[in-house]
């Protein structure tokens, strides 16, 4: 029986739902908006978070309000089928991939509610335990348009010396900066962002930068490179540590990779739904592929949920799901350190 099959028959009742907008402005150049989906019945509430990046899509959802008919007395599987038939956007989204993000918000909220109605949680339902969660902190090395430098990373290491990082290399990373970063021993993953096209995080492919990074960080994971005729000779000796994130939305995307990965980034919101996400966990387990989780700037319960799933399915890998406090330029003292105990607040603890 697949993991989704074990969840699909869970009884679910929904009487209504509400939407709550969240926002934060971490820098002059960036404001983040998300929407918490709250499905309700019998005094209980299940929560999910829509991490669609485009602010106008979030505002349109919140302005439209709870216009969908989600009233159901059935099962999680039936609810997922219903969501797959609905258009959850008041108007066409700015990017089609956002439909997957929003679907996850509604289905994860329904799972949360169904588990509460059954007076259980996901770990208990699946007969699994929440393990201490290994995490890394994700960041770029430039802020508000300034050139890349090591100061931001050093500020976090000063307070949390054992912290490891997933870094976003930029074209202005010279050899001296690369050498400084390598000397810290704190770089776990390099997100090359070679699979993004037409987004604010695009980076021009530089085979020379790829070579310098691969040589300077011989044990780091190399995520989402742009593989072309110029980069292939650089990357082929390192394919055992090349991993993928942005192109992965389904099991078929994993199957169609040119090289079988050692590990892969499974983001539930990017997979687009409960079945797609749980099927990906099953596929990786059955095919000897490691998994790790990644965040998408969740501001609320979405971060708790991806931490919960990572602690349940792949706790020991470099999960890019650090507590939100690590996003600060100078994180406050007292944050959980890796590996951390994950509170059971993600899926199913009664309100």
C-alpha atoms as a PDB file:
ATOM      1  CA  UNK A   1       0.000   0.000   0.000  1.00  0.00           C
ATOM      2  CA  UNK A   2       1.376   3.423  -0.947  1.00  0.00           C
ATOM      3  CA  UNK A   3       1.759   6.155   1.637  1.00  0.00           C
ATOM      4  CA  UNK A   4      -0.989   8.152  -0.042  1.00  0.00           C
ATOM      5  CA  UNK A   5      -3.343   5.154   0.067  1.00  0.00           C
ATOM      6  CA  UNK A   6      -2.842   5.045   3.829  1.00  0.00           C
ATOM      7  CA  UNK A   7      -3.919   8.689   4.038  1.00  0.00           C
ATOM      8  CA  UNK A   8      -6.613   8.774   1.348  1.00  0.00           C
ATOM      9  CA  UNK A   9      -9.264   6.900   3.337  1.00  0.00           C
ATOM     10  CA  UNK A  10      -9.023   9.250   6.311  1.00  0.00           C
ATOM     11  CA  UNK A  11     -12.532  10.637   6.968  1.00  0.00           C
ATOM     12  CA  UNK A  12     -12.920  14.397   6.450  1.00  0.00           C
ATOM     13  CA  UNK A  13     -15.682  16.886   7.085  1.00  0.00           C
ATOM     14  CA  UNK A  14     -15.465  20.562   6.040  1.00  0.00           C
ATOM     15  CA  UNK A  15     -18.189  23.116   6.750  1.00  0.00           C
ATOM     16  CA  UNK A  16     -16.387  26.326   5.760  1.00  0.00           C
ATOM     17  CA  UNK A  17     -13.018  27.936   5.227  1.00  0.00           C
ATOM     18  CA  UNK A  18     -11.293  31.252   5.766  1.00  0.00           C
ATOM     19  CA  UNK A  19      -8.223  33.014   4.380  1.00  0.00           C
ATOM     20  CA  UNK A  20      -5.634  34.932   6.366  1.00  0.00           C
ATOM     21  CA  UNK A  21      -2.997  37.103   4.697  1.00  0.00           C
ATOM     22  CA  UNK A  22       0.569  37.238   6.027  1.00  0.00           C
ATOM     23  CA  UNK A  23       3.346  39.587   4.941  1.00  0.00           C
ATOM     24  CA  UNK A  24       6.899  40.565   5.767  1.00  0.00           C
ATOM     25  CA  UNK A  25       9.416  42.957   4.195  1.00  0.00           C
ATOM     26  CA  UNK A  26      12.878  41.577   4.977  1.00  0.00           C
ATOM     27  CA  UNK A  27      14.688  44.097   2.771  1.00  0.00           C
ATOM     28  CA  UNK A  28      14.060  47.253   0.758  1.00  0.00           C
ATOM     29  CA  UNK A  29      13.814  45.202  -2.425  1.00  0.00           C
ATOM     30  CA  UNK A  30      11.609  42.347  -1.264  1.00  0.00           C
ATOM     31  CA  UNK A  31       8.160  42.068   0.271  1.00  0.00           C
ATOM     32  CA  UNK A  32       6.743  38.588   0.855  1.00  0.00           C
ATOM     33  CA  UNK A  33       3.022  37.827   0.947  1.00  0.00           C
ATOM     34  CA  UNK A  34       1.436  34.448   1.660  1.00  0.00           C
ATOM     35  CA  UNK A  35      -2.076  33.248   2.484  1.00  0.00           C
ATOM     36  CA  UNK A  36      -3.036  30.813   5.227  1.00  0.00           C
ATOM     37  CA  UNK A  37      -5.965  28.569   4.236  1.00  0.00           C
ATOM     38  CA  UNK A  38      -8.090  27.580   7.252  1.00  0.00           C
ATOM     39  CA  UNK A  39     -10.646  24.804   6.690  1.00  0.00           C
ATOM     40  CA  UNK A  40     -13.119  24.311   9.515  1.00  0.00           C
ATOM     41  CA  UNK A  41     -15.744  21.985  10.959  1.00  0.00           C
ATOM     42  CA  UNK A  42     -17.111  21.132  14.387  1.00  0.00           C
ATOM     43  CA  UNK A  43     -14.942  23.695  16.164  1.00  0.00           C
ATOM     44  CA  UNK A  44     -11.710  22.368  14.631  1.00  0.00           C
ATOM     45  CA  UNK A  45      -9.445  24.125  12.106  1.00  0.00           C
ATOM     46  CA  UNK A  46      -6.944  22.701   9.640  1.00  0.00           C
ATOM     47  CA  UNK A  47      -4.268  25.013   8.257  1.00  0.00           C
ATOM     48  CA  UNK A  48      -2.229  25.214   5.078  1.00  0.00           C
ATOM     49  CA  UNK A  49      -0.200  28.002   3.486  1.00  0.00           C
ATOM     50  CA  UNK A  50      -0.193  29.233  -0.112  1.00  0.00           C
ATOM     51  CA  UNK A  51       3.361  30.318  -0.952  1.00  0.00           C
ATOM     52  CA  UNK A  52       2.619  31.636  -4.466  1.00  0.00           C
ATOM     53  CA  UNK A  53       5.385  34.187  -5.016  1.00  0.00           C
ATOM     54  CA  UNK A  54       3.537  36.862  -6.965  1.00  0.00           C
ATOM     55  CA  UNK A  55       1.984  39.363  -4.578  1.00  0.00           C
ATOM     56  CA  UNK A  56      -0.831  40.251  -6.974  1.00  0.00           C
ATOM     57  CA  UNK A  57      -1.953  36.608  -7.047  1.00  0.00           C
ATOM     58  CA  UNK A  58      -2.044  36.574  -3.246  1.00  0.00           C
ATOM     59  CA  UNK A  59      -4.004  39.830  -3.068  1.00  0.00           C
ATOM     60  CA  UNK A  60      -6.518  38.576  -5.641  1.00  0.00           C
ATOM     61  CA  UNK A  61      -7.099  35.407  -3.611  1.00  0.00           C
ATOM     62  CA  UNK A  62      -7.588  37.320  -0.373  1.00  0.00           C
ATOM     63  CA  UNK A  63      -9.840  39.925  -1.971  1.00  0.00           C
ATOM     64  CA  UNK A  64     -12.043  37.250  -3.544  1.00  0.00           C
ATOM     65  CA  UNK A  65     -12.453  35.509  -0.195  1.00  0.00           C
ATOM     66  CA  UNK A  66     -13.732  31.946   0.391  1.00  0.00           C
ATOM     67  CA  UNK A  67     -15.689  31.573  -2.853  1.00  0.00           C
ATOM     68  CA  UNK A  68     -15.089  27.841  -3.403  1.00  0.00           C
ATOM     69  CA  UNK A  69     -17.608  25.259  -2.242  1.00  0.00           C
ATOM     70  CA  UNK A  70     -15.414  23.014  -0.126  1.00  0.00           C
ATOM     71  CA  UNK A  71     -18.170  21.556   2.008  1.00  0.00           C
ATOM     72  CA  UNK A  72     -17.542  17.858   2.067  1.00  0.00           C
ATOM     73  CA  UNK A  73     -18.291  14.846   4.178  1.00  0.00           C
ATOM     74  CA  UNK A  74     -16.087  12.165   2.735  1.00  0.00           C
ATOM     75  CA  UNK A  75     -12.387  11.323   2.722  1.00  0.00           C
ATOM     76  CA  UNK A  76      -9.061  13.006   2.097  1.00  0.00           C
ATOM     77  CA  UNK A  77      -8.806  11.181  -1.224  1.00  0.00           C
ATOM     78  CA  UNK A  78     -12.158  12.555  -2.357  1.00  0.00           C
ATOM     79  CA  UNK A  79     -11.156  16.061  -1.279  1.00  0.00           C
ATOM     80  CA  UNK A  80      -7.931  15.853  -3.297  1.00  0.00           C
ATOM     81  CA  UNK A  81      -9.962  14.822  -6.337  1.00  0.00           C
ATOM     82  CA  UNK A  82     -12.240  17.826  -5.782  1.00  0.00           C
ATOM     83  CA  UNK A  83      -9.322  20.253  -5.511  1.00  0.00           C
ATOM     84  CA  UNK A  84      -7.876  18.850  -8.724  1.00  0.00           C
ATOM     85  CA  UNK A  85     -11.085  19.847 -10.524  1.00  0.00           C
ATOM     86  CA  UNK A  86     -11.320  23.405  -9.156  1.00  0.00           C
ATOM     87  CA  UNK A  87      -9.717  26.591 -10.437  1.00  0.00           C
ATOM     88  CA  UNK A  88      -8.411  28.129  -7.228  1.00  0.00           C
ATOM     89  CA  UNK A  89      -7.360  31.389  -8.920  1.00  0.00           C
ATOM     90  CA  UNK A  90      -9.852  34.257  -9.382  1.00  0.00           C
ATOM     91  CA  UNK A  91      -7.964  35.099 -12.570  1.00  0.00           C
ATOM     92  CA  UNK A  92      -5.132  33.428 -14.485  1.00  0.00           C
ATOM     93  CA  UNK A  93      -1.999  33.247 -12.300  1.00  0.00           C
ATOM     94  CA  UNK A  94       1.101  35.131 -13.339  1.00  0.00           C
ATOM     95  CA  UNK A  95       2.896  31.757 -13.499  1.00  0.00           C
ATOM     96  CA  UNK A  96       1.247  28.396 -14.119  1.00  0.00           C
ATOM     97  CA  UNK A  97       3.421  26.668 -11.523  1.00  0.00           C
ATOM     98  CA  UNK A  98       1.559  28.681  -8.874  1.00  0.00           C
ATOM     99  CA  UNK A  99      -1.416  26.365  -9.357  1.00  0.00           C
ATOM    100  CA  UNK A 100       0.670  23.628  -7.726  1.00  0.00           C
ATOM    101  CA  UNK A 101       1.580  25.861  -4.788  1.00  0.00           C
ATOM    102  CA  UNK A 102      -2.045  26.736  -4.108  1.00  0.00           C
ATOM    103  CA  UNK A 103      -3.218  23.163  -4.440  1.00  0.00           C
ATOM    104  CA  UNK A 104      -0.765  22.143  -1.725  1.00  0.00           C
ATOM    105  CA  UNK A 105      -2.137  24.854   0.577  1.00  0.00           C
ATOM    106  CA  UNK A 106      -5.699  23.522   0.367  1.00  0.00           C
ATOM    107  CA  UNK A 107      -4.802  19.831   0.535  1.00  0.00           C
ATOM    108  CA  UNK A 108      -2.380  20.242   3.428  1.00  0.00           C
ATOM    109  CA  UNK A 109      -5.046  22.195   5.338  1.00  0.00           C
ATOM    110  CA  UNK A 110      -7.530  19.381   4.731  1.00  0.00           C
ATOM    111  CA  UNK A 111      -5.052  16.760   5.931  1.00  0.00           C
ATOM    112  CA  UNK A 112      -4.419  18.804   9.064  1.00  0.00           C
ATOM    113  CA  UNK A 113      -8.144  18.999   9.766  1.00  0.00           C
ATOM    114  CA  UNK A 114      -8.861  15.326   9.035  1.00  0.00           C
ATOM    115  CA  UNK A 115      -6.126  14.219  11.418  1.00  0.00           C
ATOM    116  CA  UNK A 116      -7.492  16.494  14.146  1.00  0.00           C
ATOM    117  CA  UNK A 117     -10.976  15.109  13.563  1.00  0.00           C
ATOM    118  CA  UNK A 118      -9.540  11.614  13.971  1.00  0.00           C
ATOM    119  CA  UNK A 119      -7.706  12.731  17.138  1.00  0.00           C
ATOM    120  CA  UNK A 120      -4.343  11.639  15.734  1.00  0.00           C
ATOM    121  CA  UNK A 121      -1.348  12.979  13.848  1.00  0.00           C
ATOM    122  CA  UNK A 122       0.407  11.979  10.638  1.00  0.00           C
ATOM    123  CA  UNK A 123       3.303  10.213  12.339  1.00  0.00           C
ATOM    124  CA  UNK A 124       0.937   8.036  14.369  1.00  0.00           C
ATOM    125  CA  UNK A 125      -1.253   7.307  11.355  1.00  0.00           C
ATOM    126  CA  UNK A 126       1.744   6.099   9.355  1.00  0.00           C
ATOM    127  CA  UNK A 127       3.393   4.291  12.262  1.00  0.00           C
ATOM    128  CA  UNK A 128       6.513   6.463  12.002  1.00  0.00           C
ATOM    129  CA  UNK A 129       8.452   8.603  14.456  1.00  0.00           C
ATOM    130  CA  UNK A 130       9.561  12.215  14.223  1.00  0.00           C
ATOM    131  CA  UNK A 131      13.364  12.158  14.324  1.00  0.00           C
ATOM    132  CA  UNK A 132      15.644  15.071  15.201  1.00  0.00           C
ATOM    133  CA  UNK A 133      15.803  17.260  12.093  1.00  0.00           C
ATOM    134  CA  UNK A 134      19.041  18.212  10.368  1.00  0.00           C
ATOM    135  CA  UNK A 135      18.765  21.604   8.679  1.00  0.00           C
ATOM    136  CA  UNK A 136      20.845  24.182   6.842  1.00  0.00           C
ATOM    137  CA  UNK A 137      20.279  27.916   6.520  1.00  0.00           C
ATOM    138  CA  UNK A 138      19.726  29.271   3.023  1.00  0.00           C
ATOM    139  CA  UNK A 139      21.014  32.679   1.960  1.00  0.00           C
ATOM    140  CA  UNK A 140      22.671  34.843  -0.661  1.00  0.00           C
ATOM    141  CA  UNK A 141      25.743  36.899   0.145  1.00  0.00           C
ATOM    142  CA  UNK A 142      24.540  40.256  -1.174  1.00  0.00           C
ATOM    143  CA  UNK A 143      21.863  42.403   0.443  1.00  0.00           C
ATOM    144  CA  UNK A 144      19.897  45.356  -0.931  1.00  0.00           C
ATOM    145  CA  UNK A 145      21.977  45.388  -4.094  1.00  0.00           C
ATOM    146  CA  UNK A 146      25.382  45.331  -2.383  1.00  0.00           C
ATOM    147  CA  UNK A 147      28.202  43.166  -3.800  1.00  0.00           C
ATOM    148  CA  UNK A 148      28.552  39.672  -2.405  1.00  0.00           C
ATOM    149  CA  UNK A 149      30.671  39.414   0.739  1.00  0.00           C
ATOM    150  CA  UNK A 150      31.206  37.011   3.607  1.00  0.00           C
ATOM    151  CA  UNK A 151      29.993  39.370   6.338  1.00  0.00           C
ATOM    152  CA  UNK A 152      26.399  38.080   6.425  1.00  0.00           C
ATOM    153  CA  UNK A 153      27.544  34.492   6.778  1.00  0.00           C
ATOM    154  CA  UNK A 154      30.111  35.374   9.433  1.00  0.00           C
ATOM    155  CA  UNK A 155      27.477  37.218  11.471  1.00  0.00           C
ATOM    156  CA  UNK A 156      25.386  34.046  11.636  1.00  0.00           C
ATOM    157  CA  UNK A 157      28.374  31.829  12.376  1.00  0.00           C
ATOM    158  CA  UNK A 158      29.467  34.118  15.197  1.00  0.00           C
ATOM    159  CA  UNK A 159      26.248  33.358  17.051  1.00  0.00           C
ATOM    160  CA  UNK A 160      25.791  29.781  15.782  1.00  0.00           C
ATOM    161  CA  UNK A 161      29.266  28.334  15.047  1.00  0.00           C
ATOM    162  CA  UNK A 162      27.957  24.877  14.025  1.00  0.00           C
ATOM    163  CA  UNK A 163      25.446  26.252  11.509  1.00  0.00           C
ATOM    164  CA  UNK A 164      25.768  24.977   7.928  1.00  0.00           C
ATOM    165  CA  UNK A 165      24.563  26.788   4.830  1.00  0.00           C
ATOM    166  CA  UNK A 166      22.944  26.431   1.468  1.00  0.00           C
ATOM    167  CA  UNK A 167      24.322  29.366  -0.513  1.00  0.00           C
ATOM    168  CA  UNK A 168      23.249  31.046  -3.743  1.00  0.00           C
ATOM    169  CA  UNK A 169      26.438  31.744  -5.721  1.00  0.00           C
ATOM    170  CA  UNK A 170      26.490  34.924  -7.791  1.00  0.00           C
ATOM    171  CA  UNK A 171      28.556  36.014 -10.775  1.00  0.00           C
ATOM    172  CA  UNK A 172      30.581  38.385  -8.581  1.00  0.00           C
ATOM    173  CA  UNK A 173      31.970  35.516  -6.487  1.00  0.00           C
ATOM    174  CA  UNK A 174      35.715  35.944  -7.064  1.00  0.00           C
ATOM    175  CA  UNK A 175      38.305  33.382  -6.054  1.00  0.00           C
ATOM    176  CA  UNK A 176      39.203  35.211  -2.850  1.00  0.00           C
ATOM    177  CA  UNK A 177      35.580  35.120  -1.630  1.00  0.00           C
ATOM    178  CA  UNK A 178      35.269  31.475  -2.630  1.00  0.00           C
ATOM    179  CA  UNK A 179      38.435  30.672  -0.676  1.00  0.00           C
ATOM    180  CA  UNK A 180      37.124  32.538   2.390  1.00  0.00           C
ATOM    181  CA  UNK A 181      33.860  30.596   2.250  1.00  0.00           C
ATOM    182  CA  UNK A 182      35.613  27.259   1.814  1.00  0.00           C
ATOM    183  CA  UNK A 183      37.791  27.991   4.838  1.00  0.00           C
ATOM    184  CA  UNK A 184      34.716  28.220   7.076  1.00  0.00           C
ATOM    185  CA  UNK A 185      33.850  24.570   6.436  1.00  0.00           C
ATOM    186  CA  UNK A 186      30.209  25.603   6.737  1.00  0.00           C
ATOM    187  CA  UNK A 187      29.062  25.370   3.118  1.00  0.00           C
ATOM    188  CA  UNK A 188      26.871  22.299   2.629  1.00  0.00           C
ATOM    189  CA  UNK A 189      25.002  23.061  -0.606  1.00  0.00           C
ATOM    190  CA  UNK A 190      25.426  25.465  -3.517  1.00  0.00           C
ATOM    191  CA  UNK A 191      22.197  26.424  -5.275  1.00  0.00           C
ATOM    192  CA  UNK A 192      23.343  27.279  -8.799  1.00  0.00           C
ATOM    193  CA  UNK A 193      19.821  28.320  -9.882  1.00  0.00           C
ATOM    194  CA  UNK A 194      20.528  27.224 -13.427  1.00  0.00           C
ATOM    195  CA  UNK A 195      16.988  25.897 -13.890  1.00  0.00           C
ATOM    196  CA  UNK A 196      15.157  29.182 -13.340  1.00  0.00           C
ATOM    197  CA  UNK A 197      14.105  31.145 -16.405  1.00  0.00           C
ATOM    198  CA  UNK A 198      12.310  34.477 -16.349  1.00  0.00           C
ATOM    199  CA  UNK A 199      12.358  34.893 -12.575  1.00  0.00           C
ATOM    200  CA  UNK A 200      14.067  37.410 -10.255  1.00  0.00           C
ATOM    201  CA  UNK A 201      16.536  34.732  -9.106  1.00  0.00           C
ATOM    202  CA  UNK A 202      17.849  33.813 -12.567  1.00  0.00           C
ATOM    203  CA  UNK A 203      21.624  33.730 -12.865  1.00  0.00           C
ATOM    204  CA  UNK A 204      23.610  33.668 -16.088  1.00  0.00           C
ATOM    205  CA  UNK A 205      25.407  30.363 -16.570  1.00  0.00           C
ATOM    206  CA  UNK A 206      29.183  30.695 -16.109  1.00  0.00           C
ATOM    207  CA  UNK A 207      31.127  27.444 -16.689  1.00  0.00           C
ATOM    208  CA  UNK A 208      34.197  29.011 -15.091  1.00  0.00           C
ATOM    209  CA  UNK A 209      32.273  29.736 -11.898  1.00  0.00           C
ATOM    210  CA  UNK A 210      30.942  26.175 -11.887  1.00  0.00           C
ATOM    211  CA  UNK A 211      34.498  24.844 -12.108  1.00  0.00           C
ATOM    212  CA  UNK A 212      35.792  27.080  -9.323  1.00  0.00           C
ATOM    213  CA  UNK A 213      32.924  26.094  -7.057  1.00  0.00           C
ATOM    214  CA  UNK A 214      33.241  22.353  -7.750  1.00  0.00           C
ATOM    215  CA  UNK A 215      36.963  22.480  -7.011  1.00  0.00           C
ATOM    216  CA  UNK A 216      36.734  24.663  -3.895  1.00  0.00           C
ATOM    217  CA  UNK A 217      33.856  22.749  -2.295  1.00  0.00           C
ATOM    218  CA  UNK A 218      34.581  19.082  -3.075  1.00  0.00           C
ATOM    219  CA  UNK A 219      31.932  17.765  -0.665  1.00  0.00           C
ATOM    220  CA  UNK A 220      29.133  20.286  -1.285  1.00  0.00           C
ATOM    221  CA  UNK A 221      25.922  19.386  -3.071  1.00  0.00           C
ATOM    222  CA  UNK A 222      25.546  21.173  -6.420  1.00  0.00           C
ATOM    223  CA  UNK A 223      21.854  21.985  -6.843  1.00  0.00           C
ATOM    224  CA  UNK A 224      20.102  22.916 -10.096  1.00  0.00           C
ATOM    225  CA  UNK A 225      23.020  23.493 -12.461  1.00  0.00           C
ATOM    226  CA  UNK A 226      22.390  24.448 -16.068  1.00  0.00           C
ATOM    227  CA  UNK A 227      23.743  21.465 -17.981  1.00  0.00           C
ATOM    228  CA  UNK A 228      24.778  22.436 -21.500  1.00  0.00           C
ATOM    229  CA  UNK A 229      27.675  21.739 -23.859  1.00  0.00           C
ATOM    230  CA  UNK A 230      29.960  24.099 -21.918  1.00  0.00           C
ATOM    231  CA  UNK A 231      29.089  23.012 -18.385  1.00  0.00           C
ATOM    232  CA  UNK A 232      28.764  19.280 -19.003  1.00  0.00           C
ATOM    233  CA  UNK A 233      32.549  18.610 -19.009  1.00  0.00           C
ATOM    234  CA  UNK A 234      32.812  20.559 -15.746  1.00  0.00           C
ATOM    235  CA  UNK A 235      29.943  18.761 -14.035  1.00  0.00           C
ATOM    236  CA  UNK A 236      30.306  15.168 -15.223  1.00  0.00           C
ATOM    237  CA  UNK A 237      33.073  14.290 -12.712  1.00  0.00           C
ATOM    238  CA  UNK A 238      30.750  15.524  -9.959  1.00  0.00           C
ATOM    239  CA  UNK A 239      27.404  14.058 -11.002  1.00  0.00           C
ATOM    240  CA  UNK A 240      27.178  12.042  -7.784  1.00  0.00           C
ATOM    241  CA  UNK A 241      26.664  15.323  -5.922  1.00  0.00           C
ATOM    242  CA  UNK A 242      24.464  17.109  -8.447  1.00  0.00           C
ATOM    243  CA  UNK A 243      20.933  17.397  -7.118  1.00  0.00           C
ATOM    244  CA  UNK A 244      17.694  18.912  -8.362  1.00  0.00           C
ATOM    245  CA  UNK A 245      14.972  21.173  -7.057  1.00  0.00           C
ATOM    246  CA  UNK A 246      13.226  23.545  -9.487  1.00  0.00           C
ATOM    247  CA  UNK A 247      12.509  20.944 -12.232  1.00  0.00           C
ATOM    248  CA  UNK A 248      10.912  18.457  -9.825  1.00  0.00           C
ATOM    249  CA  UNK A 249       7.099  18.513  -9.688  1.00  0.00           C
ATOM    250  CA  UNK A 250       6.301  14.795  -9.934  1.00  0.00           C
ATOM    251  CA  UNK A 251       7.725  11.282  -9.894  1.00  0.00           C
ATOM    252  CA  UNK A 252       7.938  11.388 -13.685  1.00  0.00           C
ATOM    253  CA  UNK A 253      10.267  14.390 -13.443  1.00  0.00           C
ATOM    254  CA  UNK A 254      12.589  12.326 -11.239  1.00  0.00           C
ATOM    255  CA  UNK A 255      12.397   9.361 -13.606  1.00  0.00           C
ATOM    256  CA  UNK A 256      13.256  11.556 -16.597  1.00  0.00           C
ATOM    257  CA  UNK A 257      16.473  12.990 -15.167  1.00  0.00           C
ATOM    258  CA  UNK A 258      19.504  12.263 -17.312  1.00  0.00           C
ATOM    259  CA  UNK A 259      21.452  10.949 -14.330  1.00  0.00           C
ATOM    260  CA  UNK A 260      20.044   9.116 -11.329  1.00  0.00           C
ATOM    261  CA  UNK A 261      20.565  11.520  -8.423  1.00  0.00           C
ATOM    262  CA  UNK A 262      22.092  10.609  -5.086  1.00  0.00           C
ATOM    263  CA  UNK A 263      19.673  12.943  -3.316  1.00  0.00           C
ATOM    264  CA  UNK A 264      16.892  15.223  -4.483  1.00  0.00           C
ATOM    265  CA  UNK A 265      14.996  18.206  -3.103  1.00  0.00           C
ATOM    266  CA  UNK A 266      11.316  17.397  -2.584  1.00  0.00           C
ATOM    267  CA  UNK A 267       9.309  20.533  -1.846  1.00  0.00           C
ATOM    268  CA  UNK A 268       5.703  19.610  -1.045  1.00  0.00           C
ATOM    269  CA  UNK A 269       4.374  22.926  -2.351  1.00  0.00           C
ATOM    270  CA  UNK A 270       6.260  22.431  -5.607  1.00  0.00           C
ATOM    271  CA  UNK A 271       4.946  18.882  -5.957  1.00  0.00           C
ATOM    272  CA  UNK A 272       1.472  20.358  -5.848  1.00  0.00           C
ATOM    273  CA  UNK A 273      -0.572  17.977  -3.767  1.00  0.00           C
ATOM    274  CA  UNK A 274      -0.622  15.230  -1.190  1.00  0.00           C
ATOM    275  CA  UNK A 275      -0.524  12.353  -3.666  1.00  0.00           C
ATOM    276  CA  UNK A 276       2.323  13.796  -5.728  1.00  0.00           C
ATOM    277  CA  UNK A 277       4.360  14.536  -2.609  1.00  0.00           C
ATOM    278  CA  UNK A 278       3.822  11.198  -0.886  1.00  0.00           C
ATOM    279  CA  UNK A 279       4.382   9.291  -4.126  1.00  0.00           C
ATOM    280  CA  UNK A 280       7.738  11.059  -4.497  1.00  0.00           C
ATOM    281  CA  UNK A 281       8.780   9.982  -0.990  1.00  0.00           C
ATOM    282  CA  UNK A 282       7.809   6.397  -1.855  1.00  0.00           C
ATOM    283  CA  UNK A 283       9.664   6.488  -5.171  1.00  0.00           C
ATOM    284  CA  UNK A 284      12.878   7.781  -3.633  1.00  0.00           C
ATOM    285  CA  UNK A 285      12.772   5.193  -0.847  1.00  0.00           C
ATOM    286  CA  UNK A 286      12.133   2.346  -3.290  1.00  0.00           C
ATOM    287  CA  UNK A 287      14.893   3.459  -5.692  1.00  0.00           C
ATOM    288  CA  UNK A 288      17.668   4.258  -3.250  1.00  0.00           C
ATOM    289  CA  UNK A 289      17.491   8.030  -3.721  1.00  0.00           C
ATOM    290  CA  UNK A 290      17.924  10.270  -0.715  1.00  0.00           C
ATOM    291  CA  UNK A 291      15.597  13.208  -0.181  1.00  0.00           C
ATOM    292  CA  UNK A 292      15.797  16.534   1.557  1.00  0.00           C
ATOM    293  CA  UNK A 293      13.240  19.287   2.002  1.00  0.00           C
ATOM    294  CA  UNK A 294      13.268  22.903   0.976  1.00  0.00           C
ATOM    295  CA  UNK A 295      11.371  26.014   1.900  1.00  0.00           C
ATOM    296  CA  UNK A 296       9.716  28.646  -0.253  1.00  0.00           C
ATOM    297  CA  UNK A 297       9.614  31.617   2.102  1.00  0.00           C
ATOM    298  CA  UNK A 298       6.761  30.331   4.231  1.00  0.00           C
ATOM    299  CA  UNK A 299       5.661  32.873   6.822  1.00  0.00           C
ATOM    300  CA  UNK A 300       3.317  30.716   8.880  1.00  0.00           C
ATOM    301  CA  UNK A 301       2.210  27.128   9.315  1.00  0.00           C
ATOM    302  CA  UNK A 302       3.741  26.118   5.988  1.00  0.00           C
ATOM    303  CA  UNK A 303       7.214  26.172   7.526  1.00  0.00           C
ATOM    304  CA  UNK A 304       6.065  24.034  10.466  1.00  0.00           C
ATOM    305  CA  UNK A 305       4.567  21.517   8.058  1.00  0.00           C
ATOM    306  CA  UNK A 306       7.649  21.092   5.866  1.00  0.00           C
ATOM    307  CA  UNK A 307       9.788  20.679   8.983  1.00  0.00           C
ATOM    308  CA  UNK A 308       7.360  18.007  10.189  1.00  0.00           C
ATOM    309  CA  UNK A 309       7.507  16.139   6.862  1.00  0.00           C
ATOM    310  CA  UNK A 310      11.293  16.350   6.733  1.00  0.00           C
ATOM    311  CA  UNK A 311      11.570  14.978  10.285  1.00  0.00           C
ATOM    312  CA  UNK A 312       9.236  12.156   9.269  1.00  0.00           C
ATOM    313  CA  UNK A 313      10.652  11.155   5.875  1.00  0.00           C
ATOM    314  CA  UNK A 314      14.257  12.409   5.569  1.00  0.00           C
ATOM    315  CA  UNK A 315      15.520  13.837   8.872  1.00  0.00           C
ATOM    316  CA  UNK A 316      19.254  13.257   8.370  1.00  0.00           C
ATOM    317  CA  UNK A 317      19.819  15.073   5.079  1.00  0.00           C
ATOM    318  CA  UNK A 318      20.602  18.805   4.579  1.00  0.00           C
ATOM    319  CA  UNK A 319      17.036  20.075   4.798  1.00  0.00           C
ATOM    320  CA  UNK A 320      16.692  23.690   3.746  1.00  0.00           C
ATOM    321  CA  UNK A 321      13.970  24.251   6.339  1.00  0.00           C
ATOM    322  CA  UNK A 322      15.750  26.229   9.054  1.00  0.00           C
ATOM    323  CA  UNK A 323      13.551  28.032  11.585  1.00  0.00           C
ATOM    324  CA  UNK A 324      12.434  31.408  10.265  1.00  0.00           C
ATOM    325  CA  UNK A 325      14.668  33.267  12.727  1.00  0.00           C
ATOM    326  CA  UNK A 326      17.714  32.323  10.675  1.00  0.00           C
ATOM    327  CA  UNK A 327      16.492  34.578   7.849  1.00  0.00           C
ATOM    328  CA  UNK A 328      17.529  37.619   9.900  1.00  0.00           C
ATOM    329  CA  UNK A 329      20.857  39.241   9.063  1.00  0.00           C
ATOM    330  CA  UNK A 330      21.845  38.701  12.694  1.00  0.00           C
ATOM    331  CA  UNK A 331      19.744  35.850  14.122  1.00  0.00           C
ATOM    332  CA  UNK A 332      18.605  36.325  17.680  1.00  0.00           C
ATOM    333  CA  UNK A 333      20.038  34.069  20.386  1.00  0.00           C
ATOM    334  CA  UNK A 334      18.196  30.984  21.512  1.00  0.00           C
ATOM    335  CA  UNK A 335      17.113  29.590  18.147  1.00  0.00           C
ATOM    336  CA  UNK A 336      16.934  25.798  17.773  1.00  0.00           C
ATOM    337  CA  UNK A 337      20.148  24.302  16.436  1.00  0.00           C
ATOM    338  CA  UNK A 338      20.602  21.388  14.071  1.00  0.00           C
ATOM    339  CA  UNK A 339      19.588  18.659  14.612  1.00  0.00           C
ATOM    340  CA  UNK A 340      16.472  19.952  16.321  1.00  0.00           C
ATOM    341  CA  UNK A 341      13.414  18.356  17.863  1.00  0.00           C
ATOM    342  CA  UNK A 342      10.416  19.223  15.697  1.00  0.00           C
ATOM    343  CA  UNK A 343       7.283  20.215  17.631  1.00  0.00           C
ATOM    344  CA  UNK A 344       4.269  18.117  16.701  1.00  0.00           C
ATOM    345  CA  UNK A 345       2.310  21.124  15.431  1.00  0.00           C
ATOM    346  CA  UNK A 346       2.441  20.492  11.714  1.00  0.00           C
ATOM    347  CA  UNK A 347      -0.296  17.961  11.016  1.00  0.00           C
ATOM    348  CA  UNK A 348      -3.090  16.843  13.234  1.00  0.00           C
ATOM    349  CA  UNK A 349      -2.586  17.867  16.842  1.00  0.00           C
ATOM    350  CA  UNK A 350      -6.009  18.958  18.098  1.00  0.00           C
ATOM    351  CA  UNK A 351      -6.743  22.698  18.310  1.00  0.00           C
END
